[in-house]
Amino acid sequence: MNSRKKLIAGNWKMNKTSADGVALVNDIVAAVGKQADVDVVVCPPFTAVESVGRALEGSEVKLGAQNMHFEASGAFTGEVSAPMLRAIFATHVILGHSERRTLFGETDELVNKKVLAALKNQLKPIFCVGETLGERESGATLKVVQTQVERGLEGVNKDQAASIVVAYEPVWAIGTGKVATTEQAQEVHAYIRGLLTKLFGDAIAQKVRILYGGSMKPANAPELLAQKDIDGGLIGGASLEARSFVELVNAAVAAK
């Protein structure tokens, strides 16, 4: 059994007002806010980060953001920087999410700049990689993931690497009706761990948590979380309702 603590992170995407977010985390904190067996992170939209952060005070649940700019400040209308997130006590930030890559044109090079900026500001990146349906069907999955990992983590040193969280999200398994099997998920997670070993050495690679981001739900979580290299989940839809999110946290506790 590995010694990595499981992590369940909720990505709320463009959902929840500030008041809605506070109500949701109040329910989450009441249910799992005192347990420390599994790390729990919630990532609200920017408008709710500060109020949700206040609601989390005194609990074990950590605060994350869904994106950030790589510069510390400047003429970047509509953007938010790492120092701004740290100032309201965020500890994590999702970077390179498939929606950022596909809908907003984020490249590996841009994601890399964000990863380096987050680490410089003591923010833990939840660094996302994954292939599209076309890439999966053409047999390019591992090559795509390799490129994203190597380019996205360029310039990261061994000391920094241990604080990175990697999230594997098979884009083709999100909202398409197609489902990644447990074996498919574990295969890619193991491959990512092998890439991390090449980049940073085995000792560091064994510390990095690799999350599954392909529609993890209470029904499939126990089987996924039992896999050797699946260390938790980056949760979308199931994170928007306290009961399902808490069930996933409890599944991770049971699997640790």
Protein backbone atom coordinates (compact mmCIF):
# COMPACT_ATOMS: atom_id res chain seq x y z
CA MET A 1 0.00 0.00 0.00
CA ASN A 2 1.41 3.43 -0.85
CA SER A 3 1.77 6.16 1.73
CA ARG A 4 0.23 8.94 -0.39
CA LYS A 5 -2.72 10.60 1.28
CA LYS A 6 -5.79 10.53 -0.98
CA LEU A 7 -7.07 13.89 -2.24
CA ILE A 8 -10.58 14.78 -3.36
CA ALA A 9 -10.81 18.17 -5.11
CA GLY A 10 -14.05 19.80 -6.20
CA ASN A 11 -13.99 21.89 -9.37
CA TRP A 12 -17.20 23.91 -9.34
CA LYS A 13 -16.50 25.42 -12.78
CA MET A 14 -18.86 28.34 -13.58
CA ASN A 15 -21.41 27.44 -10.91
CA LYS A 16 -22.49 28.84 -7.54
CA THR A 17 -22.85 32.43 -6.42
CA SER A 18 -20.94 33.52 -3.35
CA ALA A 19 -23.94 32.77 -1.11
CA ASP A 20 -24.57 29.40 -2.78
CA GLY A 21 -20.92 28.49 -2.32
CA VAL A 22 -20.94 29.31 1.37
CA ALA A 23 -24.07 27.20 1.86
CA LEU A 24 -22.43 24.27 0.05
CA VAL A 25 -19.18 24.36 2.01
CA ASN A 26 -21.06 24.72 5.29
CA ASP A 27 -22.66 21.36 4.53
CA ILE A 28 -19.34 19.85 3.44
CA VAL A 29 -17.54 21.12 6.53
CA ALA A 30 -20.28 19.79 8.80
CA ALA A 31 -19.85 16.32 7.30
CA VAL A 32 -16.10 15.97 6.66
CA GLY A 33 -14.48 19.18 7.87
CA LYS A 34 -12.79 17.59 10.88
CA GLN A 35 -11.37 14.43 9.27
CA ALA A 36 -7.72 14.51 8.24
CA ASP A 37 -7.37 11.05 6.68
CA VAL A 38 -8.04 12.47 3.21
CA ASP A 39 -7.16 15.91 1.86
CA VAL A 40 -10.20 17.83 0.61
CA VAL A 41 -10.01 20.91 -1.63
CA VAL A 42 -12.85 23.03 -3.02
CA CYS A 43 -12.32 25.30 -6.04
CA PRO A 44 -15.10 27.89 -6.40
CA PRO A 45 -15.37 30.51 -9.16
CA PHE A 46 -13.34 33.65 -8.47
CA THR A 47 -16.32 35.62 -7.15
CA ALA A 48 -16.81 33.08 -4.35
CA VAL A 49 -13.20 32.27 -3.41
CA GLU A 50 -12.90 34.78 -0.58
CA SER A 51 -16.30 34.12 1.03
CA VAL A 52 -15.87 30.35 0.74
CA GLY A 53 -12.41 30.69 2.26
CA ARG A 54 -13.87 32.44 5.29
CA ALA A 55 -16.47 29.70 5.66
CA LEU A 56 -13.68 27.09 5.66
CA GLU A 57 -11.74 28.69 8.52
CA GLY A 58 -11.09 26.26 11.33
CA SER A 59 -11.81 23.21 9.18
CA GLU A 60 -9.46 20.77 7.44
CA VAL A 61 -10.94 21.59 4.01
CA LYS A 62 -8.55 23.56 1.79
CA LEU A 63 -9.28 26.36 -0.67
CA GLY A 64 -8.38 26.34 -4.34
CA ALA A 65 -8.97 28.42 -7.47
CA GLN A 66 -9.77 27.25 -10.99
CA ASN A 67 -7.17 29.24 -12.92
CA MET A 68 -4.70 32.14 -12.66
CA HIS A 69 -2.42 34.30 -14.76
CA PHE A 70 1.33 33.73 -14.71
CA GLU A 71 2.22 37.39 -14.07
CA ALA A 72 2.01 38.80 -10.53
CA SER A 73 0.18 41.97 -11.64
CA GLY A 74 -0.31 44.21 -14.64
CA ALA A 75 -2.58 45.16 -17.52
CA PHE A 76 -4.36 41.81 -17.90
CA THR A 77 -8.06 42.64 -17.86
CA GLY A 78 -10.19 39.92 -16.32
CA GLU A 79 -7.24 37.96 -14.88
CA VAL A 80 -6.22 37.00 -11.34
CA SER A 81 -2.68 36.40 -10.11
CA ALA A 82 -1.05 33.94 -7.73
CA PRO A 83 -0.26 36.62 -5.10
CA MET A 84 -3.93 37.67 -5.15
CA LEU A 85 -4.98 34.07 -4.47
CA ARG A 86 -2.41 33.65 -1.72
CA ALA A 87 -3.66 36.88 -0.10
CA ILE A 88 -7.06 35.25 0.46
CA PHE A 89 -5.45 32.03 1.71
CA ALA A 90 -5.93 29.80 -1.32
CA THR A 91 -3.54 26.85 -1.19
CA HIS A 92 -4.26 25.14 -4.55
CA VAL A 93 -4.99 26.18 -8.13
CA ILE A 94 -6.24 24.11 -11.09
CA LEU A 95 -4.04 24.67 -14.14
CA GLY A 96 -4.31 23.36 -17.69
CA HIS A 97 -7.82 21.98 -17.33
CA SER A 98 -9.10 20.46 -20.56
CA GLU A 99 -11.75 23.18 -20.82
CA ARG A 100 -9.05 25.86 -20.58
CA ARG A 101 -7.06 24.08 -23.26
CA THR A 102 -9.93 23.38 -25.68
CA LEU A 103 -12.26 26.35 -25.14
CA PHE A 104 -9.69 29.05 -24.39
CA GLY A 105 -6.72 27.87 -26.42
CA GLU A 106 -4.26 27.36 -23.58
CA THR A 107 -1.03 25.76 -24.81
CA ASP A 108 1.43 23.56 -22.94
CA GLU A 109 3.83 26.52 -22.87
CA LEU A 110 1.24 28.81 -21.27
CA VAL A 111 0.28 26.17 -18.72
CA ASN A 112 3.97 25.74 -17.90
CA LYS A 113 4.33 29.47 -17.15
CA LYS A 114 1.34 29.22 -14.80
CA VAL A 115 2.73 26.14 -13.05
CA LEU A 116 6.05 27.89 -12.40
CA ALA A 117 4.29 31.04 -11.16
CA ALA A 118 2.08 29.03 -8.81
CA LEU A 119 5.06 27.19 -7.32
CA LYS A 120 6.98 30.44 -6.91
CA ASN A 121 4.07 31.74 -4.82
CA GLN A 122 3.64 28.60 -2.70
CA LEU A 123 0.44 27.58 -4.46
CA LYS A 124 0.04 23.86 -5.16
CA PRO A 125 -0.84 23.33 -8.84
CA ILE A 126 -3.49 20.76 -9.71
CA PHE A 127 -1.92 20.22 -13.12
CA CYS A 128 -4.32 18.66 -15.64
CA VAL A 129 -3.44 16.44 -18.60
CA GLY A 130 -5.49 14.19 -20.86
CA GLU A 131 -6.37 13.21 -24.40
CA THR A 132 -9.37 13.92 -26.61
CA LEU A 133 -11.61 11.27 -28.16
CA GLY A 134 -9.83 11.55 -31.50
CA GLU A 135 -6.45 11.14 -29.82
CA ARG A 136 -7.67 8.11 -27.84
CA GLU A 137 -9.15 6.45 -30.94
CA SER A 138 -5.98 7.01 -32.96
CA GLY A 139 -3.87 5.36 -30.25
CA ALA A 140 -2.07 8.58 -29.32
CA THR A 141 -3.09 8.69 -25.64
CA LEU A 142 0.31 8.05 -24.06
CA LYS A 143 2.15 10.30 -26.50
CA VAL A 144 -0.27 13.18 -25.85
CA VAL A 145 0.00 12.74 -22.09
CA GLN A 146 3.80 12.52 -22.29
CA THR A 147 4.01 15.78 -24.24
CA GLN A 148 1.67 17.58 -21.85
CA VAL A 149 3.55 16.36 -18.77
CA GLU A 150 7.03 17.10 -20.10
CA ARG A 151 6.19 20.53 -21.49
CA GLY A 152 3.93 21.51 -18.62
CA LEU A 153 6.53 20.69 -15.96
CA GLU A 154 9.57 22.07 -17.77
CA GLY A 155 11.79 24.02 -15.38
CA VAL A 156 10.23 22.51 -12.24
CA ASN A 157 12.92 21.29 -9.84
CA LYS A 158 12.81 18.24 -7.59
CA ASP A 159 12.06 20.25 -4.46
CA GLN A 160 9.03 21.84 -6.11
CA ALA A 161 7.79 18.69 -7.82
CA ALA A 162 6.62 16.94 -4.66
CA SER A 163 3.99 19.65 -4.05
CA ILE A 164 2.43 19.29 -7.51
CA VAL A 165 -0.80 17.35 -7.93
CA VAL A 166 -1.38 15.85 -11.37
CA ALA A 167 -4.94 15.26 -12.60
CA TYR A 168 -5.55 12.88 -15.49
CA GLU A 169 -8.77 13.73 -17.30
CA PRO A 170 -9.67 11.70 -20.37
CA VAL A 171 -11.54 14.43 -22.23
CA TRP A 172 -13.40 11.79 -24.26
CA ALA A 173 -14.97 10.35 -21.10
CA ILE A 174 -16.54 13.63 -19.98
CA GLY A 175 -20.07 14.25 -21.23
CA THR A 176 -19.76 11.91 -24.24
CA GLY A 177 -21.51 8.85 -22.87
CA LYS A 178 -18.23 6.96 -23.21
CA VAL A 179 -16.72 5.72 -19.96
CA ALA A 180 -13.08 5.02 -19.20
CA THR A 181 -12.66 1.62 -17.62
CA THR A 182 -10.80 1.30 -14.33
CA GLU A 183 -8.03 -0.48 -16.25
CA GLN A 184 -7.74 2.36 -18.77
CA ALA A 185 -7.54 4.92 -15.96
CA GLN A 186 -4.93 2.95 -14.00
CA GLU A 187 -2.83 2.39 -17.14
CA VAL A 188 -2.48 6.10 -17.78
CA HIS A 189 -1.92 6.93 -14.10
CA ALA A 190 0.90 4.37 -13.96
CA TYR A 191 2.36 5.81 -17.17
CA ILE A 192 2.27 9.33 -15.68
CA ARG A 193 4.06 8.07 -12.57
CA GLY A 194 6.71 6.59 -14.86
CA LEU A 195 7.13 9.95 -16.58
CA LEU A 196 7.50 11.66 -13.20
CA THR A 197 10.15 9.09 -12.26
CA LYS A 198 12.15 9.98 -15.39
CA LEU A 199 11.82 13.69 -14.67
CA PHE A 200 12.34 13.81 -10.91
CA GLY A 201 13.44 10.36 -9.70
CA ASP A 202 11.48 7.58 -8.06
CA ALA A 203 11.42 9.05 -4.54
CA ILE A 204 9.66 12.21 -5.75
CA ALA A 205 7.40 10.36 -8.19
CA GLN A 206 6.11 8.19 -5.36
CA LYS A 207 5.09 11.31 -3.41
CA VAL A 208 3.10 13.02 -6.18
CA ARG A 209 -0.65 12.50 -6.03
CA ILE A 210 -2.26 11.68 -9.38
CA LEU A 211 -6.01 12.31 -9.46
CA TYR A 212 -8.58 10.90 -11.84
CA GLY A 213 -10.76 13.51 -13.52
CA GLY A 214 -13.01 11.50 -15.79
CA SER A 215 -16.44 11.75 -14.20
CA MET A 216 -15.72 10.09 -10.86
CA LYS A 217 -19.00 9.49 -9.03
CA PRO A 218 -19.98 7.69 -5.81
CA ALA A 219 -20.89 4.62 -7.88
CA ASN A 220 -17.48 4.16 -9.53
CA ALA A 221 -15.22 5.79 -6.93
CA PRO A 222 -14.42 2.73 -4.75
CA GLU A 223 -13.11 0.71 -7.70
CA LEU A 224 -11.09 3.63 -9.10
CA LEU A 225 -9.65 4.60 -5.72
CA ALA A 226 -8.53 1.02 -5.09
CA GLN A 227 -6.04 1.26 -7.98
CA LYS A 228 -2.37 1.49 -7.13
CA ASP A 229 -1.70 4.80 -8.88
CA ILE A 230 -5.05 6.59 -8.50
CA ASP A 231 -4.69 8.88 -5.50
CA GLY A 232 -8.03 10.68 -5.57
CA GLY A 233 -10.32 12.59 -7.86
CA LEU A 234 -10.78 15.98 -9.50
CA ILE A 235 -14.54 16.15 -9.26
CA GLY A 236 -16.80 18.23 -11.51
CA GLY A 237 -20.56 17.72 -11.40
CA ALA A 238 -20.55 15.58 -8.25
CA SER A 239 -18.84 18.42 -6.32
CA LEU A 240 -21.81 20.76 -6.73
CA GLU A 241 -23.99 18.86 -4.27
CA ALA A 242 -22.80 18.22 -0.73
CA ARG A 243 -24.13 14.67 -0.42
CA SER A 244 -22.37 13.28 -3.52
CA PHE A 245 -19.13 15.13 -2.74
CA VAL A 246 -19.10 13.87 0.84
CA GLU A 247 -19.73 10.34 -0.43
CA LEU A 248 -16.61 10.64 -2.57
CA VAL A 249 -14.57 11.86 0.39
CA ASN A 250 -15.85 8.94 2.43
CA ALA A 251 -14.98 6.53 -0.39
CA ALA A 252 -11.43 7.90 -0.35
CA VAL A 253 -11.23 7.49 3.42
CA ALA A 254 -12.33 3.86 3.04
CA ALA A 255 -9.74 3.27 0.31
CA LYS A 256 -6.73 4.78 2.04
